[in-house]
Amino acid sequence: MAPSTRSYASPGTRPAGLRADAERNRERILAAARRLFASDGLDVSMACVAREAGVGKATLARRFPSREDLIDAVFADRMDAYVGAVTEALADPDPWHGFTGFVRNVCAMQAADRGFAEVLAMTFPAATALEARRAEAYHGLLELIRRAKATGHLREDVTDQDMAILLMANAGVIAATHETAPDAWNRLVGHMLRAFAAPGTEPPPLPPAPSPAALYRAMIQTARATRPAEGRAEPGARPGGE
């Protein structure tokens, strides 16, 4: 009997077709998560991501066992851009201009992606790659602040904590106004940069304020989003709505 010419995969290896299929599923999951996080923020459920990607929840769990694993992968390119923004600012021969440009750039990155807006306002200890890039950007920011203060244009009492507060505030403004007043974040950033400027420094230009009607619609939408579920009395409400 002639020896068989059939080849067998060695134990522990997967056929190339299966590996390619798994990689396609991974890319579909990442693309779906990017879309959902960008439009709706990080509260999107893993089940919604799986449905949007057209895969089962078990497939999603195999590729990304936890939400932080998914966030780590989805925002890798954004975190690279975040580090790049610090690097670009440090290369500016005018540190004050570099600082103000960095603040505007990063806040604009938040406005373009609600999920990323929240990422910059939170921390994810298990997302090691993301947090490593955040740490890199943080050390660059410390140097940028030091240089901007040395010019006399950045107030001496400004700290890196102020940047964290600004990013959290900007995330909140973006979440509340992204549909009705999508440029409102510009106004917040303009006011903050003016507050950061040392006495005697020409204040940065202040972007126009949103219209009262746009802000009113934003307030209505925020109230609807946070209203207690139907049938559940609001604090202080009387039974029967009297």
Protein backbone atom coordinates (compact mmCIF):
# COMPACT_ATOMS: atom_id res chain seq x y z
CA MET A 1 0.00 0.00 0.00
CA ALA A 2 1.43 3.33 -1.05
CA PRO A 3 2.04 5.84 1.76
CA SER A 4 -0.63 8.53 2.06
CA THR A 5 0.26 11.99 0.76
CA ARG A 6 -2.38 13.69 2.89
CA SER A 7 -0.89 16.31 5.23
CA TYR A 8 -2.13 16.86 8.73
CA ALA A 9 -1.94 20.00 10.82
CA SER A 10 0.30 19.62 13.81
CA PRO A 11 -1.40 19.59 17.19
CA GLY A 12 -2.31 23.06 18.45
CA THR A 13 -2.31 24.71 15.01
CA ARG A 14 -5.34 26.03 13.16
CA PRO A 15 -6.06 25.82 9.44
CA ALA A 16 -5.26 29.06 7.62
CA GLY A 17 -8.91 29.49 6.64
CA LEU A 18 -10.01 29.47 10.26
CA ARG A 19 -7.33 31.96 11.26
CA ALA A 20 -8.42 34.29 8.45
CA ASP A 21 -12.05 33.93 9.53
CA ALA A 22 -11.14 34.82 13.12
CA GLU A 23 -9.23 37.89 11.95
CA ARG A 24 -12.18 39.03 9.82
CA ASN A 25 -14.45 38.70 12.86
CA ARG A 26 -12.00 40.73 14.93
CA GLU A 27 -11.95 43.54 12.38
CA ARG A 28 -15.75 43.51 12.14
CA ILE A 29 -16.01 43.79 15.91
CA LEU A 30 -13.52 46.67 16.06
CA ALA A 31 -15.26 48.55 13.24
CA ALA A 32 -18.65 48.11 14.90
CA ALA A 33 -17.35 49.21 18.30
CA ARG A 34 -15.69 52.29 16.78
CA ARG A 35 -18.98 53.34 15.19
CA LEU A 36 -21.06 52.77 18.30
CA PHE A 37 -18.60 54.28 20.77
CA ALA A 38 -18.08 57.34 18.55
CA SER A 39 -21.80 58.06 18.25
CA ASP A 40 -23.16 56.86 21.59
CA GLY A 41 -20.25 56.82 24.03
CA LEU A 42 -18.83 53.98 26.11
CA ASP A 43 -22.13 52.92 27.70
CA VAL A 44 -22.92 50.81 24.63
CA SER A 45 -23.35 47.19 25.74
CA MET A 46 -21.17 44.36 24.53
CA ALA A 47 -24.33 42.71 23.18
CA CYS A 48 -24.98 45.77 21.01
CA VAL A 49 -21.43 45.62 19.68
CA ALA A 50 -21.83 41.94 18.80
CA ARG A 51 -25.14 42.63 17.06
CA GLU A 52 -23.71 45.56 15.10
CA ALA A 53 -20.73 43.43 14.05
CA GLY A 54 -22.94 40.52 13.02
CA VAL A 55 -21.22 38.05 15.33
CA GLY A 56 -22.35 36.06 18.33
CA LYS A 57 -21.67 37.16 21.89
CA ALA A 58 -19.43 34.11 22.33
CA THR A 59 -17.31 35.19 19.36
CA LEU A 60 -16.97 38.68 20.82
CA ALA A 61 -16.00 37.24 24.21
CA ARG A 62 -13.32 35.05 22.63
CA ARG A 63 -11.71 37.97 20.86
CA PHE A 64 -12.21 40.51 23.67
CA PRO A 65 -12.86 38.85 27.04
CA SER A 66 -13.60 42.16 28.77
CA ARG A 67 -14.88 45.62 27.88
CA GLU A 68 -11.46 47.07 28.73
CA ASP A 69 -9.81 44.70 26.24
CA LEU A 70 -12.15 46.05 23.55
CA ILE A 71 -11.59 49.68 24.56
CA ASP A 72 -7.83 49.10 24.53
CA ALA A 73 -7.97 47.88 20.92
CA VAL A 74 -10.59 50.32 19.61
CA PHE A 75 -8.82 53.46 20.82
CA ALA A 76 -5.22 52.48 20.04
CA ASP A 77 -5.06 54.84 17.06
CA ARG A 78 -6.71 57.68 18.98
CA MET A 79 -4.22 57.33 21.79
CA ASP A 80 -1.40 57.43 19.24
CA ALA A 81 -2.89 60.68 17.92
CA TYR A 82 -3.13 62.00 21.49
CA VAL A 83 0.58 61.36 22.05
CA GLY A 84 1.26 62.90 18.64
CA ALA A 85 -0.57 66.07 19.66
CA VAL A 86 1.73 66.46 22.68
CA THR A 87 4.80 65.83 20.54
CA GLU A 88 3.67 68.43 18.00
CA ALA A 89 3.02 70.97 20.76
CA LEU A 90 6.45 70.43 22.28
CA ALA A 91 8.03 71.05 18.87
CA ASP A 92 6.41 74.49 18.64
CA PRO A 93 9.07 77.22 19.13
CA ASP A 94 6.46 79.24 21.06
CA PRO A 95 5.52 77.13 24.10
CA TRP A 96 2.42 79.21 24.90
CA HIS A 97 1.18 78.77 21.33
CA GLY A 98 2.04 75.08 21.58
CA PHE A 99 0.09 74.75 24.83
CA THR A 100 -3.05 76.49 23.57
CA GLY A 101 -2.88 74.54 20.32
CA PHE A 102 -2.59 71.28 22.21
CA VAL A 103 -5.63 72.07 24.34
CA ARG A 104 -7.71 72.92 21.26
CA ASN A 105 -6.51 69.86 19.34
CA VAL A 106 -7.25 67.39 22.11
CA CYS A 107 -10.66 68.90 22.85
CA ALA A 108 -11.47 68.75 19.13
CA MET A 109 -10.50 65.05 19.17
CA GLN A 110 -13.00 64.58 21.98
CA ALA A 111 -15.71 66.40 20.02
CA ALA A 112 -15.15 64.15 17.00
CA ASP A 113 -15.63 60.93 18.99
CA ARG A 114 -17.86 60.72 22.06
CA GLY A 115 -16.21 57.49 23.12
CA PHE A 116 -12.78 59.06 23.02
CA ALA A 117 -14.13 62.07 24.91
CA GLU A 118 -14.99 59.68 27.73
CA VAL A 119 -11.74 57.72 27.44
CA LEU A 120 -9.75 60.88 28.16
CA ALA A 121 -11.92 61.60 31.19
CA MET A 122 -11.58 58.11 32.73
CA THR A 123 -8.93 55.54 33.52
CA PHE A 124 -8.86 51.84 32.58
CA PRO A 125 -6.24 49.98 34.66
CA ALA A 126 -6.64 46.73 32.70
CA ALA A 127 -6.19 48.46 29.31
CA THR A 128 -2.42 48.38 29.59
CA ALA A 129 -1.51 49.64 26.11
CA LEU A 130 -3.96 52.52 26.35
CA GLU A 131 -2.75 53.52 29.79
CA ALA A 132 0.88 53.34 28.68
CA ARG A 133 0.13 55.83 25.90
CA ARG A 134 -1.77 58.03 28.34
CA ALA A 135 1.25 58.06 30.65
CA GLU A 136 3.49 59.02 27.75
CA ALA A 137 1.19 61.91 26.86
CA TYR A 138 1.00 62.94 30.52
CA HIS A 139 4.77 63.31 30.84
CA GLY A 140 4.81 65.36 27.65
CA LEU A 141 2.05 67.57 29.05
CA LEU A 142 4.05 68.23 32.23
CA GLU A 143 6.96 69.45 30.12
CA LEU A 144 4.64 71.54 27.95
CA ILE A 145 3.17 73.23 31.02
CA ARG A 146 6.66 73.90 32.41
CA ARG A 147 7.78 75.54 29.17
CA ALA A 148 4.60 77.60 28.80
CA LYS A 149 5.00 78.93 32.35
CA ALA A 150 8.62 79.87 31.59
CA THR A 151 7.36 82.25 28.88
CA GLY A 152 5.29 84.14 31.46
CA HIS A 153 2.09 83.55 29.47
CA LEU A 154 0.69 80.57 31.38
CA ARG A 155 -0.43 81.24 34.94
CA GLU A 156 1.90 79.87 37.60
CA ASP A 157 -0.96 78.17 39.45
CA VAL A 158 -2.07 76.07 36.47
CA THR A 159 -1.40 72.34 37.00
CA ASP A 160 -1.90 69.14 35.06
CA GLN A 161 -5.00 68.53 37.19
CA ASP A 162 -6.58 71.53 35.48
CA MET A 163 -6.20 69.75 32.15
CA ALA A 164 -7.93 66.67 33.57
CA ILE A 165 -10.78 68.86 34.83
CA LEU A 166 -11.08 70.50 31.41
CA LEU A 167 -11.22 67.14 29.62
CA MET A 168 -13.93 65.90 31.99
CA ALA A 169 -15.93 69.11 31.57
CA ASN A 170 -15.52 69.01 27.80
CA ALA A 171 -16.75 65.40 27.70
CA GLY A 172 -19.86 66.48 29.58
CA VAL A 173 -20.54 69.43 27.27
CA ILE A 174 -20.08 67.22 24.20
CA ALA A 175 -22.46 64.57 25.55
CA ALA A 176 -25.13 67.20 26.28
CA THR A 177 -24.85 69.30 23.12
CA HIS A 178 -23.55 67.06 20.32
CA GLU A 179 -26.92 66.97 18.55
CA THR A 180 -28.26 70.49 19.06
CA ALA A 181 -25.16 72.67 19.55
CA PRO A 182 -22.17 70.61 18.32
CA ASP A 183 -19.74 73.54 18.51
CA ALA A 184 -20.57 74.47 22.11
CA TRP A 185 -17.36 72.81 23.35
CA ASN A 186 -15.39 75.53 21.52
CA ARG A 187 -16.89 78.15 23.81
CA LEU A 188 -15.90 76.20 26.94
CA VAL A 189 -12.34 75.74 25.68
CA GLY A 190 -12.08 79.43 24.78
CA HIS A 191 -13.10 80.48 28.28
CA MET A 192 -10.69 77.99 29.88
CA LEU A 193 -7.74 79.17 27.78
CA ARG A 194 -8.49 82.74 28.82
CA ALA A 195 -8.56 81.60 32.44
CA PHE A 196 -5.18 79.89 31.97
CA ALA A 197 -3.54 83.02 30.54
CA ALA A 198 -1.28 84.96 32.92
CA PRO A 199 -2.07 88.62 33.61
CA GLY A 200 -0.80 90.80 30.80
CA THR A 201 -1.05 88.01 28.22
CA GLU A 202 -3.24 88.77 25.23
CA PRO A 203 -6.26 86.48 25.74
CA PRO A 204 -6.97 83.91 23.04
CA PRO A 205 -10.02 84.67 20.86
CA LEU A 206 -13.36 83.58 22.28
CA PRO A 207 -15.53 81.50 19.93
CA PRO A 208 -19.19 82.53 19.58
CA ALA A 209 -21.72 81.22 22.07
CA PRO A 210 -24.38 78.72 20.99
CA SER A 211 -27.82 80.17 20.38
CA PRO A 212 -30.26 80.17 23.30
CA ALA A 213 -32.61 77.95 21.29
CA ALA A 214 -29.87 75.36 20.67
CA LEU A 215 -28.91 75.27 24.34
CA TYR A 216 -32.56 74.99 25.37
CA ARG A 217 -33.00 71.96 23.09
CA ALA A 218 -29.84 70.46 24.59
CA MET A 219 -31.24 70.94 28.09
CA ILE A 220 -34.54 69.29 27.09
CA GLN A 221 -32.71 66.31 25.62
CA THR A 222 -30.53 65.97 28.71
CA ALA A 223 -33.60 66.04 30.95
CA ARG A 224 -35.25 63.32 28.86
CA ALA A 225 -32.13 61.17 28.95
CA THR A 226 -31.91 61.35 32.75
CA ARG A 227 -35.65 61.17 33.52
CA PRO A 228 -36.65 58.23 35.75
CA ALA A 229 -38.27 55.30 34.00
CA GLU A 230 -42.00 55.58 33.31
CA GLY A 231 -44.10 54.54 36.25
CA ARG A 232 -41.39 55.38 38.75
CA ALA A 233 -42.05 58.51 40.78
CA GLU A 234 -39.46 61.25 40.69
CA PRO A 235 -38.03 62.35 44.07
CA GLY A 236 -40.55 64.62 45.77
CA ALA A 237 -43.36 63.83 43.33
CA ARG A 238 -46.81 63.13 44.72
CA PRO A 239 -48.72 59.97 43.80
CA GLY A 240 -50.94 60.61 40.83
CA GLY A 241 -48.80 63.59 39.79
CA GLU A 242 -50.71 66.01 41.99
